[in-house]
Structures are given as C-alpha cells and as structure tokens.
Amino acid sequence: MTNLNIAGLLHYGIWRCIGYLAFSRIRVIGKERLMLGGPVVFVATHRNGALDAAPYSLAVPLAMPMVSAQLQRLPLGRFLFRGIAVARAKDKARGIKADNGKALAECIELLKEGGQLFIMPEGTSSLGCRHLPFNRGAARIVAQAMAAGVRPIIQPLAVHYEDPTRWQSRVEVLIGEPIIPQNADEIAIHQSIVDGLEAVGVNFVDTEAQQTAEKLAYARILGTDLSYAEHLKKLEGQIAPALSESLRALEAVAKDKGLFLHQGLPLMPLRLWQRDLVKWLLLAPVIACFSVLNFPVLAAGHIASQLLPDEPNVIAFWRMVVGVPVGLFWFVTVCVGLFLCAGPSWCVLYGAISIVGVLAWYRFRKLTVALGNAVFHPEVRAVLVTAYRNLAERKAHE
C-alpha cells in the first residue's frame, strides 16, 4: 500500500471519527445515483462551515476536494483539509495566497487520470434561507477538461442538517442525478450545475418560511425511517394552508402549556410511554456518568460555541475545533490516571461510558423531552397525537 493510500485512509478515518463525535447520524440518500467510476466532478452546497467535510467525506470518500488556502496555513490544517488549495477573493484580501492557475491545472490533470473532484461552488457557507451565488470555477474546470479531451460527469450533492448548531444532531447528504455535459460551453455547463444543485438543495422566500419547512419536515418523519432531506425538499415553495395551520395549532398548544421542545416541536410518546420510560431509566445513569466524567470537555465545547462564532454557520465548527483537542487531552489524562491508580479495567469502563454517552446523547434528549411532556402534561397527549397525525397525512402543497 502506498503512502498516499495510507494517508487517504487515515484522513478518511479521522473524519469518520469527527462525524461520530459531531453528529448523531449521517445518512446518504440516493446512493443508487452515485457515480463511482471514471472522471467525476462532484458539486455540493456549502451550509455548515468546514464541518461539512464530515458528511461529504462519507458520501464521496475518494473525491479530491478543492479547499480554501486559509485552511492549509498550518500543518494540522493541511492534513485535515487535504485537497487542492485555491485562494478566494476574501482570502486574498487577508493576505492568504495560492497559485490558482496551478490549482486549475491540477484539477484537470486529476480528471484526465480518471479521478474524482469535489467542489463547493458557493465558496463559503451559509445557513440562510437561500443558497449563495454559485461561482463558475467548477464549470470552467469541466469546460477546460472537455477541451483537453476528457468527458467528466457532474454530480450534484446537498447537505441537510436537522439542527445544524446543536451537538449530536442528524444530517443527510442528498445525491442528485448525474449531469453529462454535451459540449465545452462554460456558460451552459454552469447553468446545468446551478440547476442540479437547486434540484437537491432548498430555497425559501425568507427565514420564517425556512423555519416552518424545517419543523414540518421533522414532524413528518418522527417515528419513521423516512428521509428528512427529501421531506424538506417537498416543502420547498408554497406550503398548503392546512399544513401550516396544523403546525401553528401545535405551536400554540406548546406555548400555552409550556411544553418541552425538541428542534422546536413538543414531542410526546405515541405508544406506551412506559416503554420509553424504561429506556430513559436505563440511559439516565450512563448519561449522568458521561456528563460528570467528561464535564470539562462538554463545558469547553459549549463555551467555544457561544463565544467564538461570528455567524451561526460556524457554531458547530468552533465547538469541534475546541472540543476535540480538549477531549483527546482529557481522555488520555483520565485513562492514564485510572490505569495508574485503579488498573486497566477502569480505563475500559471509562472508555465504554464515554462512547455510549456520545452515541446515546441524541436519543436521550428526545426521550427526556417526550417523557417530560407525558408526565407533566398528560392532558395534551391526545391533542398532540392528533396534530402529528394530521401533519404526517396532509399534502405538502395544494
């Protein structure tokens, strides 16, 4: 195995670990459409800062990304954010330089060799109600590659977060239909990229419409294995008045009764709540031990997410930038201390509690909200069950 392959596997493994630490679940929707052979240019939406790398690295692990030169200023950054570096306009304004001409040549050479390229044409991320303008760099690369005799396939991807600023939320990558350019017309190629990305991404008229659609998408998949991204996409555009009315009624009940919320919605066990109570009682001691044993790590990540971000799209990123190294230091320190003072079995126990605590965090939070409403507000159970049934059954559009 070559050093390049070893480095690639190590890089992939690290981002998989970061993905497990940052998110409760990462799903790839539409795997059957994924193009894995021949020269491919993956174009993707950019939502949640550099942390987008975690879900995308799972979806297309073999693709070589184009990355901002600012991410490769330090050795650790060059390892974590491997790829072909380019300097954006705002990078140049900060004095960060890169040879963009050389980067373009590297991209074309990669495609000539049958490789895969990954590009986020927005250039920067946003959690806003609409995507940012798509730059024409990806189209230029494809056009020049075609002029050089290469016929790459373009495949659009979009990342969709249920709750992007929350630790251990869920995320999905939606795979779009492959695009086969007919000629080396840069303008036509760019338009096909825009159309492809808009087919997998979502755009709303304003933030209120976005938040409404996100709550509805979450409500319609509760208790199922359905795709959040696909349901969010269905809610793009004018939402049926009956559906919006059902959501407003649900929110009114939650506000009037002071119900506990999860991702903006008041949860309630739809079946026997006693079974959920048993699950909660089994998880509660583990979560409590996990929280106490790893309190410095949780506190560091939380404080970083409150003080360091200048925009919502980098809250999760800063939490991980601070939380991961603090967590590694704390984990090693505790394990060494336990090994020296109590023996290896205590190290194993601490490690098991930490792993289970991370994996169970999302589920425990949902159970706590649902059971809290069931125990303290049992009188609204029938109302909530009916409301969620209406939200699931009614059409998204008239």
Protein backbone atom coordinates (compact mmCIF):
# COMPACT_ATOMS: atom_id res chain seq x y z
CA MET A 1 0.00 0.00 0.00
CA THR A 2 1.40 3.41 -0.98
CA ASN A 3 1.94 6.28 1.41
CA LEU A 4 -0.80 8.18 -0.46
CA ASN A 5 -3.31 5.39 0.16
CA ILE A 6 -2.33 5.14 3.82
CA ALA A 7 -2.68 8.91 4.24
CA GLY A 8 -6.05 8.82 2.47
CA LEU A 9 -7.35 6.03 4.71
CA LEU A 10 -6.10 7.82 7.82
CA HIS A 11 -7.71 11.07 6.66
CA TYR A 12 -11.00 9.27 5.99
CA GLY A 13 -10.86 7.53 9.37
CA ILE A 14 -10.28 10.80 11.22
CA TRP A 15 -13.22 12.49 9.50
CA ARG A 16 -15.41 9.49 10.25
CA CYS A 17 -14.47 9.86 13.93
CA ILE A 18 -15.20 13.60 13.77
CA GLY A 19 -18.53 12.75 12.17
CA TYR A 20 -19.43 10.37 15.00
CA LEU A 21 -18.41 12.96 17.59
CA ALA A 22 -20.27 15.84 15.93
CA PHE A 23 -23.45 14.14 14.68
CA SER A 24 -25.87 11.54 15.93
CA ARG A 25 -26.37 10.13 12.44
CA ILE A 26 -25.07 10.78 8.94
CA ARG A 27 -27.11 9.30 6.10
CA VAL A 28 -26.52 9.34 2.37
CA ILE A 29 -29.80 9.49 0.44
CA GLY A 30 -29.82 8.37 -3.19
CA LYS A 31 -26.71 6.17 -3.13
CA GLU A 32 -28.01 4.34 -6.20
CA ARG A 33 -27.44 7.53 -8.23
CA LEU A 34 -23.83 7.92 -7.12
CA MET A 35 -21.24 7.81 -9.92
CA LEU A 36 -18.14 5.99 -8.72
CA GLY A 37 -16.24 5.23 -11.93
CA GLY A 38 -14.49 7.46 -14.44
CA PRO A 39 -13.78 11.19 -14.13
CA VAL A 40 -16.44 12.81 -11.92
CA VAL A 41 -16.84 16.36 -10.66
CA PHE A 42 -18.97 16.42 -7.52
CA VAL A 43 -20.50 19.85 -6.90
CA ALA A 44 -22.06 20.45 -3.49
CA THR A 45 -23.89 23.01 -1.40
CA HIS A 46 -21.99 24.57 1.49
CA ARG A 47 -24.01 25.03 4.69
CA ASN A 48 -22.20 24.46 7.97
CA GLY A 49 -18.65 25.71 7.63
CA ALA A 50 -15.69 23.36 7.42
CA LEU A 51 -17.70 20.72 9.29
CA ASP A 52 -19.49 19.96 6.00
CA ALA A 53 -16.43 17.81 5.31
CA ALA A 54 -17.70 15.13 7.72
CA PRO A 55 -20.92 14.16 5.89
CA TYR A 56 -19.44 14.73 2.44
CA SER A 57 -16.38 12.57 3.18
CA LEU A 58 -18.76 9.73 3.98
CA ALA A 59 -20.74 10.25 0.77
CA VAL A 60 -17.75 10.57 -1.61
CA PRO A 61 -14.63 9.39 0.25
CA LEU A 62 -12.48 9.06 -2.89
CA ALA A 63 -13.07 12.57 -4.22
CA MET A 64 -10.26 15.13 -4.01
CA PRO A 65 -11.68 18.41 -2.68
CA MET A 66 -10.82 21.94 -3.68
CA VAL A 67 -10.28 23.81 -0.41
CA SER A 68 -9.66 27.35 0.72
CA ALA A 69 -5.99 28.16 1.17
CA GLN A 70 -6.79 29.56 4.63
CA LEU A 71 -7.48 26.02 5.87
CA GLN A 72 -3.99 24.85 4.88
CA ARG A 73 -1.89 27.51 6.58
CA LEU A 74 -0.87 25.13 9.39
CA PRO A 75 0.38 21.52 9.15
CA LEU A 76 -2.68 20.20 11.00
CA GLY A 77 -4.96 22.09 8.63
CA ARG A 78 -3.12 20.71 5.61
CA PHE A 79 -3.71 17.20 6.93
CA LEU A 80 -7.35 17.59 8.00
CA PHE A 81 -8.33 19.61 4.92
CA ARG A 82 -6.31 17.82 2.29
CA GLY A 83 -7.02 18.87 -1.25
CA ILE A 84 -6.17 21.32 -3.99
CA ALA A 85 -5.85 24.76 -2.40
CA VAL A 86 -7.25 27.91 -4.00
CA ALA A 87 -7.32 31.49 -2.75
CA ARG A 88 -10.77 33.06 -2.75
CA ALA A 89 -11.22 36.81 -3.05
CA LYS A 90 -11.67 37.17 0.70
CA ASP A 91 -8.57 35.01 1.28
CA LYS A 92 -6.51 37.33 -0.91
CA ALA A 93 -7.90 40.32 0.99
CA ARG A 94 -6.46 38.78 4.17
CA GLY A 95 -3.08 38.24 2.55
CA ILE A 96 -3.57 34.48 2.05
CA LYS A 97 -2.08 33.41 -1.25
CA ALA A 98 -2.31 30.36 -3.51
CA ASP A 99 -1.47 29.64 -7.13
CA ASN A 100 -4.98 29.35 -8.57
CA GLY A 101 -3.65 28.70 -12.06
CA LYS A 102 -1.64 25.75 -10.81
CA ALA A 103 -4.67 24.50 -8.87
CA LEU A 104 -6.77 24.59 -12.05
CA ALA A 105 -4.12 22.57 -13.89
CA GLU A 106 -4.03 20.01 -11.05
CA CYS A 107 -7.81 19.61 -11.23
CA ILE A 108 -7.75 18.97 -14.97
CA GLU A 109 -4.86 16.53 -14.62
CA LEU A 110 -6.78 14.66 -11.92
CA LEU A 111 -9.77 14.31 -14.25
CA LYS A 112 -7.51 13.16 -17.10
CA GLU A 113 -6.38 10.32 -14.84
CA GLY A 114 -10.00 9.31 -14.22
CA GLY A 115 -10.10 10.80 -10.73
CA GLN A 116 -12.91 12.43 -8.77
CA LEU A 117 -13.01 16.11 -7.86
CA PHE A 118 -15.14 17.72 -5.14
CA ILE A 119 -16.10 21.41 -5.36
CA MET A 120 -18.45 23.64 -3.36
CA PRO A 121 -19.21 26.41 -5.88
CA GLU A 122 -20.58 28.84 -3.30
CA GLY A 123 -17.05 29.26 -1.98
CA THR A 124 -18.27 29.92 1.55
CA SER A 125 -21.05 28.57 3.74
CA SER A 126 -24.38 29.91 4.94
CA LEU A 127 -27.35 28.54 6.89
CA GLY A 128 -29.63 31.12 5.30
CA CYS A 129 -32.94 30.53 3.57
CA ARG A 130 -31.32 30.51 0.11
CA HIS A 131 -28.05 29.28 -1.28
CA LEU A 132 -25.32 31.80 -2.01
CA PRO A 133 -24.42 32.62 -5.64
CA PHE A 134 -22.62 29.74 -7.34
CA ASN A 135 -19.22 30.67 -8.73
CA ARG A 136 -18.24 29.50 -12.20
CA GLY A 137 -14.98 27.81 -11.22
CA ALA A 138 -16.42 24.29 -11.41
CA ALA A 139 -17.88 24.97 -14.86
CA ARG A 140 -14.53 26.39 -16.01
CA ILE A 141 -12.72 23.24 -14.88
CA VAL A 142 -15.20 20.97 -16.65
CA ALA A 143 -15.08 23.07 -19.84
CA GLN A 144 -11.28 23.06 -19.95
CA ALA A 145 -11.17 19.34 -19.18
CA MET A 146 -13.55 18.69 -22.09
CA ALA A 147 -11.41 20.87 -24.34
CA ALA A 148 -8.48 18.64 -23.34
CA GLY A 149 -10.38 15.53 -24.43
CA VAL A 150 -11.86 14.47 -21.07
CA ARG A 151 -15.60 13.99 -20.61
CA PRO A 152 -16.27 14.23 -16.88
CA ILE A 153 -19.66 13.57 -15.34
CA ILE A 154 -21.04 16.22 -12.98
CA GLN A 155 -22.94 15.08 -9.91
CA PRO A 156 -24.71 17.50 -7.53
CA LEU A 157 -24.85 16.88 -3.78
CA ALA A 158 -26.60 18.78 -0.99
CA VAL A 159 -26.15 18.52 2.76
CA HIS A 160 -29.20 18.96 5.01
CA TYR A 161 -28.93 19.39 8.78
CA GLU A 162 -31.89 18.85 11.09
CA ASP A 163 -30.41 21.21 13.69
CA PRO A 164 -27.03 22.47 12.43
CA THR A 165 -25.92 24.36 15.53
CA ARG A 166 -26.80 21.59 18.02
CA TRP A 167 -24.29 18.97 19.12
CA GLN A 168 -25.20 15.40 18.12
CA SER A 169 -27.94 16.37 15.68
CA ARG A 170 -28.66 14.46 12.46
CA VAL A 171 -27.53 15.20 8.92
CA GLU A 172 -28.22 13.82 5.45
CA VAL A 173 -26.45 14.13 2.11
CA LEU A 174 -28.86 14.09 -0.83
CA ILE A 175 -27.39 12.74 -4.09
CA GLY A 176 -28.71 14.29 -7.29
CA GLU A 177 -28.99 12.94 -10.81
CA PRO A 178 -25.70 12.88 -12.76
CA ILE A 179 -25.22 15.55 -15.42
CA ILE A 180 -23.47 14.74 -18.70
CA PRO A 181 -22.20 17.93 -20.40
CA GLN A 182 -22.76 17.95 -24.15
CA ASN A 183 -20.01 20.40 -25.08
CA ALA A 184 -17.32 22.64 -23.58
CA ASP A 185 -19.61 25.68 -23.29
CA GLU A 186 -18.73 27.12 -19.87
CA ILE A 187 -21.95 29.13 -19.58
CA ALA A 188 -24.15 26.13 -20.40
CA ILE A 189 -22.19 23.90 -18.03
CA HIS A 190 -22.52 26.46 -15.24
CA GLN A 191 -26.28 26.65 -15.75
CA SER A 192 -26.55 22.86 -15.59
CA ILE A 193 -24.60 22.92 -12.30
CA VAL A 194 -26.92 25.59 -10.89
CA ASP A 195 -29.99 23.60 -11.95
CA GLY A 196 -28.55 20.40 -10.49
CA LEU A 197 -27.70 21.98 -7.14
CA GLU A 198 -31.09 23.65 -6.88
CA ALA A 199 -32.69 20.26 -7.52
CA VAL A 200 -31.07 18.79 -4.39
CA GLY A 201 -30.76 21.91 -2.25
CA VAL A 202 -33.61 24.02 -0.90
CA ASN A 203 -34.53 27.68 -1.29
CA PHE A 204 -37.16 29.57 0.67
CA VAL A 205 -38.55 33.07 0.35
CA ASP A 206 -37.43 34.07 3.84
CA THR A 207 -36.17 32.75 7.18
CA GLU A 208 -39.68 32.26 8.54
CA ALA A 209 -40.62 30.02 5.61
CA GLN A 210 -37.37 28.08 6.09
CA GLN A 211 -38.01 27.50 9.79
CA THR A 212 -41.60 26.44 9.12
CA ALA A 213 -40.49 23.93 6.49
CA GLU A 214 -37.76 22.55 8.77
CA LYS A 215 -40.23 21.97 11.60
CA LEU A 216 -42.75 20.37 9.25
CA ALA A 217 -40.12 18.08 7.71
CA TYR A 218 -39.03 16.96 11.17
CA ALA A 219 -42.63 16.44 12.31
CA ARG A 220 -43.48 14.35 9.24
CA ILE A 221 -40.62 11.88 9.75
CA LEU A 222 -40.99 11.38 13.52
CA GLY A 223 -41.21 7.71 14.41
CA THR A 224 -40.22 6.64 10.88
CA ASP A 225 -37.06 5.96 8.89
CA LEU A 226 -38.04 8.43 6.17
CA SER A 227 -35.60 10.98 4.80
CA TYR A 228 -35.57 14.43 6.37
CA ALA A 229 -33.86 15.90 3.29
CA GLU A 230 -36.45 14.53 0.88
CA HIS A 231 -39.33 15.80 3.01
CA LEU A 232 -37.70 19.21 3.38
CA LYS A 233 -37.33 19.36 -0.40
CA LYS A 234 -41.05 18.57 -0.82
CA LEU A 235 -41.88 21.55 1.39
CA GLU A 236 -39.98 23.98 -0.81
CA GLY A 237 -42.34 26.57 -2.26
CA GLN A 238 -45.85 27.43 -1.13
CA ILE A 239 -46.90 25.16 1.73
CA ALA A 240 -50.53 24.05 1.87
CA PRO A 241 -52.53 26.30 4.25
CA ALA A 242 -53.98 23.27 6.07
CA LEU A 243 -50.47 22.01 6.83
CA SER A 244 -49.30 25.41 8.08
CA GLU A 245 -52.45 25.69 10.19
CA SER A 246 -51.77 22.32 11.82
CA LEU A 247 -48.24 23.42 12.72
CA ARG A 248 -49.45 26.71 14.17
CA ALA A 249 -52.01 24.85 16.28
CA LEU A 250 -49.27 22.55 17.57
CA GLU A 251 -47.04 25.52 18.42
CA ALA A 252 -49.93 27.29 20.15
CA VAL A 253 -50.55 24.30 22.41
CA ALA A 254 -46.84 24.07 23.22
CA LYS A 255 -46.65 27.77 24.11
CA ASP A 256 -49.87 27.79 26.11
CA LYS A 257 -48.94 24.73 28.19
CA GLY A 258 -45.21 25.44 28.42
CA LEU A 259 -44.30 22.10 26.84
CA PHE A 260 -40.74 20.87 26.44
CA LEU A 261 -39.41 21.20 22.88
CA HIS A 262 -37.03 19.26 20.67
CA GLN A 263 -35.97 21.03 17.48
CA GLY A 264 -38.84 23.44 18.02
CA LEU A 265 -41.54 20.80 18.46
CA PRO A 266 -43.30 19.38 21.56
CA LEU A 267 -42.70 15.63 21.48
CA MET A 268 -45.00 13.06 23.05
CA PRO A 269 -44.77 9.24 23.15
CA LEU A 270 -47.21 7.97 20.54
CA ARG A 271 -47.39 4.47 22.00
CA LEU A 272 -46.96 3.14 25.53
CA TRP A 273 -44.92 5.77 27.33
CA GLN A 274 -43.90 3.19 29.96
CA ARG A 275 -41.62 1.52 27.41
CA ASP A 276 -39.90 4.82 26.72
CA LEU A 277 -39.59 5.35 30.47
CA VAL A 278 -37.71 2.06 30.80
CA LYS A 279 -35.30 3.16 28.05
CA TRP A 280 -34.83 6.52 29.77
CA LEU A 281 -34.13 4.87 33.13
CA LEU A 282 -31.51 2.63 31.51
CA LEU A 283 -29.81 5.53 29.74
CA ALA A 284 -30.02 8.13 32.51
CA PRO A 285 -27.21 6.70 34.71
CA VAL A 286 -24.94 6.34 31.69
CA ILE A 287 -25.60 9.91 30.51
CA ALA A 288 -25.14 11.22 34.05
CA CYS A 289 -21.79 9.42 34.45
CA PHE A 290 -20.71 10.50 30.98
CA SER A 291 -21.56 14.14 31.73
CA VAL A 292 -19.79 14.17 35.09
CA LEU A 293 -16.70 12.31 33.90
CA ASN A 294 -16.36 14.49 30.79
CA PHE A 295 -17.68 17.78 32.15
CA PRO A 296 -14.55 19.80 31.23
CA VAL A 297 -14.85 18.66 27.60
CA LEU A 298 -18.57 19.40 27.36
CA ALA A 299 -18.06 22.78 29.02
CA ALA A 300 -15.17 23.70 26.72
CA GLY A 301 -17.18 22.84 23.61
CA HIS A 302 -20.23 24.75 24.85
CA ILE A 303 -18.26 27.86 25.80
CA ALA A 304 -16.46 27.83 22.45
CA SER A 305 -19.78 27.57 20.59
CA GLN A 306 -21.07 30.62 22.48
CA LEU A 307 -18.03 32.92 22.37
CA LEU A 308 -16.05 32.22 19.19
CA PRO A 309 -18.51 32.06 16.24
CA ASP A 310 -19.32 35.24 14.35
CA GLU A 311 -22.08 33.54 12.32
CA PRO A 312 -24.44 30.59 13.01
CA ASN A 313 -22.82 28.52 10.25
CA VAL A 314 -19.59 28.15 12.27
CA ILE A 315 -21.07 27.38 15.70
CA ALA A 316 -20.69 23.62 15.25
CA PHE A 317 -17.24 24.09 13.72
CA TRP A 318 -15.87 26.04 16.68
CA ARG A 319 -17.41 23.57 19.11
CA MET A 320 -15.44 20.79 17.45
CA VAL A 321 -12.24 22.85 16.99
CA VAL A 322 -12.07 23.35 20.75
CA GLY A 323 -13.90 20.24 21.93
CA VAL A 324 -11.94 17.60 20.02
CA PRO A 325 -8.40 18.52 21.21
CA VAL A 326 -9.65 19.18 24.75
CA GLY A 327 -11.48 15.86 24.62
CA LEU A 328 -8.42 13.96 23.43
CA PHE A 329 -6.25 15.51 26.15
CA TRP A 330 -8.86 14.82 28.82
CA PHE A 331 -9.48 11.25 27.65
CA VAL A 332 -5.77 10.39 27.71
CA THR A 333 -5.28 12.09 31.08
CA VAL A 334 -8.18 10.26 32.71
CA CYS A 335 -7.16 6.91 31.22
CA VAL A 336 -3.56 7.29 32.42
CA GLY A 337 -4.75 8.33 35.88
CA LEU A 338 -7.17 5.42 36.12
CA PHE A 339 -4.58 2.96 34.84
CA LEU A 340 -2.01 4.04 37.41
CA CYS A 341 -4.41 4.32 40.34
CA ALA A 342 -7.09 1.69 39.72
CA GLY A 343 -5.99 -0.62 36.91
CA PRO A 344 -6.83 -1.16 33.22
CA SER A 345 -10.39 -2.37 33.82
CA TRP A 346 -11.36 1.12 34.99
CA CYS A 347 -9.89 2.59 31.81
CA VAL A 348 -12.07 0.26 29.76
CA LEU A 349 -15.13 1.20 31.82
CA TYR A 350 -14.46 4.92 31.38
CA GLY A 351 -13.99 4.45 27.64
CA ALA A 352 -17.20 2.44 27.35
CA ILE A 353 -19.20 5.05 29.27
CA SER A 354 -17.79 7.83 27.08
CA ILE A 355 -18.59 6.03 23.83
CA VAL A 356 -22.10 5.03 24.88
CA GLY A 357 -22.71 8.53 26.24
CA VAL A 358 -21.91 10.13 22.89
CA LEU A 359 -23.93 7.58 20.92
CA ALA A 360 -26.96 7.84 23.22
CA TRP A 361 -26.98 11.63 23.68
CA TYR A 362 -29.45 12.42 20.88
CA ARG A 363 -31.83 9.61 21.80
CA PHE A 364 -31.73 10.51 25.49
CA ARG A 365 -32.51 14.15 24.75
CA LYS A 366 -35.56 13.18 22.65
CA LEU A 367 -36.78 10.74 25.29
CA THR A 368 -36.39 13.37 28.01
CA VAL A 369 -38.50 15.89 26.09
CA ALA A 370 -41.20 13.36 25.19
CA LEU A 371 -41.42 11.83 28.67
CA GLY A 372 -41.34 15.24 30.31
CA ASN A 373 -44.43 16.23 28.35
CA ALA A 374 -46.12 12.87 29.03
CA VAL A 375 -45.51 13.07 32.79
CA PHE A 376 -46.14 16.77 33.42
CA HIS A 377 -48.73 17.45 30.72
CA PRO A 378 -50.68 14.22 30.13
CA GLU A 379 -53.82 16.20 29.29
CA VAL A 380 -52.40 17.30 25.91
CA ARG A 381 -51.38 13.84 24.71
CA ALA A 382 -54.49 13.28 22.59
CA VAL A 383 -54.17 16.76 21.09
CA LEU A 384 -50.51 16.24 20.15
CA VAL A 385 -51.08 12.75 18.73
CA THR A 386 -53.88 14.07 16.52
CA ALA A 387 -51.81 17.07 15.44
CA TYR A 388 -48.84 14.92 14.43
CA ARG A 389 -51.11 12.53 12.57
CA ASN A 390 -52.53 15.46 10.60
CA LEU A 391 -49.05 16.78 9.86
CA ALA A 392 -47.97 13.38 8.53
CA GLU A 393 -51.05 12.76 6.39
CA ARG A 394 -51.78 16.14 4.83
CA LYS A 395 -50.27 17.07 1.49
CA ALA A 396 -47.35 19.49 1.39
CA HIS A 397 -48.95 21.55 -1.37
CA GLU A 398 -52.49 22.12 -2.53
